[in-house]
Structures are given as C-alpha cells and as structure tokens.
Amino acid sequence: MNRYLISTLSCALFLSLTISESNAGEILKCEKRTKPAVSRISVQGEDLTPGAMYTATVSSGNYSAFALTAADVAGVVNVDFNSNPNDILAGKTAINPQFIGSEVDLVITDALGNRVIETSAVCKTK
C-alpha cells in the first residue's frame, strides 16, 4: 500500500513540475521598450487557493519589485508591473523603466512564505 502511494505521489509531483515548466510563458510575460524606455511585466498564477493572499515578486538584474494580491474565486492571481506613468495611475505596480535586462524571474509565495510558483522568462525587446 505504501509503495503504491509513494509511486502515485511521485508521479503527480513529476507531472505538476512538467506542467509548470511548459506553461511558463503563460504565467509570466515581459516586454522591454527602448525608445521611450518602458518595462512591462504581466503575471498570471493559476490553481491557487481562492481568496488566499499571495505575494508576487519579480526580479531582473539588480532590480526587484513585489505586489500583494488575493486570488479570485477561480484561484487566479493577476498582477501587472509597469513603468508607464499612465498605467501606474490605472493601478499597475510601479517599476523603473530600466527594470528589465534580458529576462525576468518570478516567485509567488503564499501568506506563510511558501513558494507556490517559480519561473522565469526571456523578455521581448521592441
């Protein structure tokens, strides 16, 4: 019985890690513009606990920023980071226009500090 349970859990863990890797582009999107200098990062975390609080932390090079948010009723967290003043006024989390180097790292943690999503993405440059 224990071998079956361990085997099933190991298989489930492997599948969840594989799914997280293959969906990395859907979880984290980023764009860097040079003229004018603008950095944009969009985060969408799924399969989280509805109503629970999460912290999304993005980093690139020497820059780091975070946003606190709650998952919606479907267990989805959406966070946008942006350096455009109009987008910041519209509710996006402010970041420096030079925030993005070539890639961005993302860590989403729950209220206890457990890492629930961790991924990175190479950013588009326009």
C-alpha atoms as a PDB file:
ATOM      1  CA  MET A   1       0.000   0.000   0.000  1.00  0.00           C
ATOM      2  CA  ASN A   2       2.765   2.492   0.916  1.00  0.00           C
ATOM      3  CA  ARG A   3       4.749   1.761  -2.259  1.00  0.00           C
ATOM      4  CA  TYR A   4       1.642   2.456  -4.343  1.00  0.00           C
ATOM      5  CA  LEU A   5       1.002   5.754  -2.528  1.00  0.00           C
ATOM      6  CA  ILE A   6       4.641   6.881  -2.859  1.00  0.00           C
ATOM      7  CA  SER A   7       4.684   5.951  -6.533  1.00  0.00           C
ATOM      8  CA  THR A   8       1.432   7.836  -7.167  1.00  0.00           C
ATOM      9  CA  LEU A   9       2.655  10.941  -5.306  1.00  0.00           C
ATOM     10  CA  SER A  10       5.987  10.881  -7.146  1.00  0.00           C
ATOM     11  CA  CYS A  11       4.194  10.657 -10.473  1.00  0.00           C
ATOM     12  CA  ALA A  12       1.842  13.524  -9.530  1.00  0.00           C
ATOM     13  CA  LEU A  13       4.787  15.697  -8.460  1.00  0.00           C
ATOM     14  CA  PHE A  14       6.631  14.991 -11.716  1.00  0.00           C
ATOM     15  CA  LEU A  15       3.541  15.849 -13.763  1.00  0.00           C
ATOM     16  CA  SER A  16       2.928  19.091 -11.861  1.00  0.00           C
ATOM     17  CA  LEU A  17       6.554  20.181 -12.339  1.00  0.00           C
ATOM     18  CA  THR A  18       6.345  19.346 -16.037  1.00  0.00           C
ATOM     19  CA  ILE A  19       3.118  21.323 -16.404  1.00  0.00           C
ATOM     20  CA  SER A  20       4.594  24.343 -14.574  1.00  0.00           C
ATOM     21  CA  GLU A  21       7.609  24.374 -16.895  1.00  0.00           C
ATOM     22  CA  SER A  22       5.538  24.070 -20.079  1.00  0.00           C
ATOM     23  CA  ASN A  23       3.196  26.900 -19.023  1.00  0.00           C
ATOM     24  CA  ALA A  24       5.964  29.317 -18.012  1.00  0.00           C
ATOM     25  CA  GLY A  25       5.214  31.649 -20.942  1.00  0.00           C
ATOM     26  CA  GLU A  26       1.566  31.858 -19.895  1.00  0.00           C
ATOM     27  CA  ILE A  27       2.417  32.590 -16.250  1.00  0.00           C
ATOM     28  CA  LEU A  28       4.960  35.356 -16.915  1.00  0.00           C
ATOM     29  CA  LYS A  29       5.182  37.771 -19.841  1.00  0.00           C
ATOM     30  CA  CYS A  30       7.540  40.710 -20.116  1.00  0.00           C
ATOM     31  CA  GLU A  31       8.406  43.423 -22.586  1.00  0.00           C
ATOM     32  CA  LYS A  32      11.171  45.997 -22.712  1.00  0.00           C
ATOM     33  CA  ARG A  33      10.975  49.068 -24.945  1.00  0.00           C
ATOM     34  CA  THR A  34      13.983  51.239 -25.616  1.00  0.00           C
ATOM     35  CA  LYS A  35      12.524  54.482 -27.062  1.00  0.00           C
ATOM     36  CA  PRO A  36      10.961  55.603 -24.845  1.00  0.00           C
ATOM     37  CA  ALA A  37      12.289  53.322 -22.117  1.00  0.00           C
ATOM     38  CA  VAL A  38       9.386  51.236 -20.756  1.00  0.00           C
ATOM     39  CA  SER A  39       9.293  47.972 -18.812  1.00  0.00           C
ATOM     40  CA  ARG A  40       6.124  45.820 -18.644  1.00  0.00           C
ATOM     41  CA  ILE A  41       5.631  42.556 -16.753  1.00  0.00           C
ATOM     42  CA  SER A  42       2.389  40.566 -16.517  1.00  0.00           C
ATOM     43  CA  VAL A  43       1.900  37.715 -14.052  1.00  0.00           C
ATOM     44  CA  GLN A  44      -0.950  35.206 -14.020  1.00  0.00           C
ATOM     45  CA  GLY A  45      -0.805  32.497 -11.378  1.00  0.00           C
ATOM     46  CA  GLU A  46      -3.433  29.750 -11.591  1.00  0.00           C
ATOM     47  CA  ASP A  47      -4.642  26.821  -9.462  1.00  0.00           C
ATOM     48  CA  LEU A  48      -4.185  28.783  -6.236  1.00  0.00           C
ATOM     49  CA  THR A  49      -6.468  28.848  -3.198  1.00  0.00           C
ATOM     50  CA  PRO A  50      -9.434  31.179  -3.871  1.00  0.00           C
ATOM     51  CA  GLY A  51      -9.379  34.238  -1.588  1.00  0.00           C
ATOM     52  CA  ALA A  52      -5.912  33.475  -0.195  1.00  0.00           C
ATOM     53  CA  MET A  53      -3.254  36.197  -0.087  1.00  0.00           C
ATOM     54  CA  TYR A  54      -0.124  35.897  -2.245  1.00  0.00           C
ATOM     55  CA  THR A  55       2.992  37.938  -2.934  1.00  0.00           C
ATOM     56  CA  ALA A  56       4.295  38.130  -6.498  1.00  0.00           C
ATOM     57  CA  THR A  57       7.982  39.093  -6.617  1.00  0.00           C
ATOM     58  CA  VAL A  58       9.705  39.856  -9.917  1.00  0.00           C
ATOM     59  CA  SER A  59      13.399  40.495 -10.372  1.00  0.00           C
ATOM     60  CA  SER A  60      15.784  41.267 -13.208  1.00  0.00           C
ATOM     61  CA  GLY A  61      19.434  42.133 -12.738  1.00  0.00           C
ATOM     62  CA  ASN A  62      19.747  44.474  -9.728  1.00  0.00           C
ATOM     63  CA  TYR A  63      16.027  45.329  -9.681  1.00  0.00           C
ATOM     64  CA  SER A  64      13.287  43.685  -7.651  1.00  0.00           C
ATOM     65  CA  ALA A  65       9.619  44.554  -7.054  1.00  0.00           C
ATOM     66  CA  PHE A  66       6.673  42.888  -5.363  1.00  0.00           C
ATOM     67  CA  ALA A  67       2.902  43.137  -5.149  1.00  0.00           C
ATOM     68  CA  LEU A  68       0.469  41.699  -2.610  1.00  0.00           C
ATOM     69  CA  THR A  69      -2.749  40.296  -4.028  1.00  0.00           C
ATOM     70  CA  ALA A  70      -5.573  37.868  -3.329  1.00  0.00           C
ATOM     71  CA  ALA A  71      -6.552  35.008  -5.610  1.00  0.00           C
ATOM     72  CA  ASP A  72     -10.005  35.412  -7.165  1.00  0.00           C
ATOM     73  CA  VAL A  73     -12.843  32.884  -6.790  1.00  0.00           C
ATOM     74  CA  ALA A  74     -11.314  30.737  -9.545  1.00  0.00           C
ATOM     75  CA  GLY A  75      -7.929  30.637  -7.768  1.00  0.00           C
ATOM     76  CA  VAL A  76      -6.219  33.014 -10.201  1.00  0.00           C
ATOM     77  CA  VAL A  77      -3.810  35.841  -9.338  1.00  0.00           C
ATOM     78  CA  ASN A  78      -3.203  38.617 -11.875  1.00  0.00           C
ATOM     79  CA  VAL A  79      -0.522  41.253 -11.284  1.00  0.00           C
ATOM     80  CA  ASP A  80       0.869  43.825 -13.707  1.00  0.00           C
ATOM     81  CA  PHE A  81       4.102  45.756 -13.211  1.00  0.00           C
ATOM     82  CA  ASN A  82       4.721  48.768 -15.456  1.00  0.00           C
ATOM     83  CA  SER A  83       6.906  51.860 -15.749  1.00  0.00           C
ATOM     84  CA  ASN A  84       4.444  53.894 -17.841  1.00  0.00           C
ATOM     85  CA  PRO A  85       3.012  56.672 -15.598  1.00  0.00           C
ATOM     86  CA  ASN A  86      -0.490  56.329 -17.116  1.00  0.00           C
ATOM     87  CA  ASP A  87      -0.532  52.575 -16.446  1.00  0.00           C
ATOM     88  CA  ILE A  88       0.682  53.157 -12.877  1.00  0.00           C
ATOM     89  CA  LEU A  89      -2.181  55.635 -12.327  1.00  0.00           C
ATOM     90  CA  ALA A  90      -4.542  52.936 -13.668  1.00  0.00           C
ATOM     91  CA  GLY A  91      -3.423  50.558 -10.900  1.00  0.00           C
ATOM     92  CA  LYS A  92      -0.345  48.750 -12.213  1.00  0.00           C
ATOM     93  CA  THR A  93       2.535  48.239  -9.773  1.00  0.00           C
ATOM     94  CA  ALA A  94       5.297  50.784 -10.478  1.00  0.00           C
ATOM     95  CA  ILE A  95       8.732  49.660 -11.678  1.00  0.00           C
ATOM     96  CA  ASN A  96      11.741  51.512 -13.109  1.00  0.00           C
ATOM     97  CA  PRO A  97      11.788  51.970 -16.931  1.00  0.00           C
ATOM     98  CA  GLN A  98      15.188  50.180 -16.977  1.00  0.00           C
ATOM     99  CA  PHE A  99      13.920  47.352 -14.704  1.00  0.00           C
ATOM    100  CA  ILE A 100      14.136  44.598 -17.331  1.00  0.00           C
ATOM    101  CA  GLY A 101      17.507  43.290 -18.501  1.00  0.00           C
ATOM    102  CA  SER A 102      17.051  40.315 -20.817  1.00  0.00           C
ATOM    103  CA  GLU A 103      14.969  38.063 -18.566  1.00  0.00           C
ATOM    104  CA  VAL A 104      12.690  38.288 -15.540  1.00  0.00           C
ATOM    105  CA  ASP A 105      12.401  35.882 -12.611  1.00  0.00           C
ATOM    106  CA  LEU A 106       9.099  35.369 -10.787  1.00  0.00           C
ATOM    107  CA  VAL A 107       8.356  33.886  -7.379  1.00  0.00           C
ATOM    108  CA  ILE A 108       4.817  33.725  -5.997  1.00  0.00           C
ATOM    109  CA  THR A 109       4.640  32.945  -2.282  1.00  0.00           C
ATOM    110  CA  ASP A 110       1.662  32.252  -0.056  1.00  0.00           C
ATOM    111  CA  ALA A 111       0.955  34.019   3.268  1.00  0.00           C
ATOM    112  CA  LEU A 112       3.263  31.567   5.079  1.00  0.00           C
ATOM    113  CA  GLY A 113       6.183  32.317   2.736  1.00  0.00           C
ATOM    114  CA  ASN A 114       5.963  29.017   0.833  1.00  0.00           C
ATOM    115  CA  ARG A 115       6.989  29.274  -2.817  1.00  0.00           C
ATOM    116  CA  VAL A 116       3.991  28.123  -4.843  1.00  0.00           C
ATOM    117  CA  ILE A 117       5.121  29.263  -8.309  1.00  0.00           C
ATOM    118  CA  GLU A 118       8.662  29.940  -9.502  1.00  0.00           C
ATOM    119  CA  THR A 119       9.609  30.588 -13.113  1.00  0.00           C
ATOM    120  CA  SER A 120      11.495  32.924 -15.432  1.00  0.00           C
ATOM    121  CA  ALA A 121      11.020  34.292 -18.935  1.00  0.00           C
ATOM    122  CA  VAL A 122      13.121  35.890 -21.642  1.00  0.00           C
ATOM    123  CA  CYS A 123      11.603  39.288 -22.427  1.00  0.00           C
ATOM    124  CA  LYS A 124      10.601  40.734 -25.770  1.00  0.00           C
ATOM    125  CA  THR A 125      12.519  43.859 -26.748  1.00  0.00           C
ATOM    126  CA  LYS A 126      10.938  46.467 -29.020  1.00  0.00           C
END
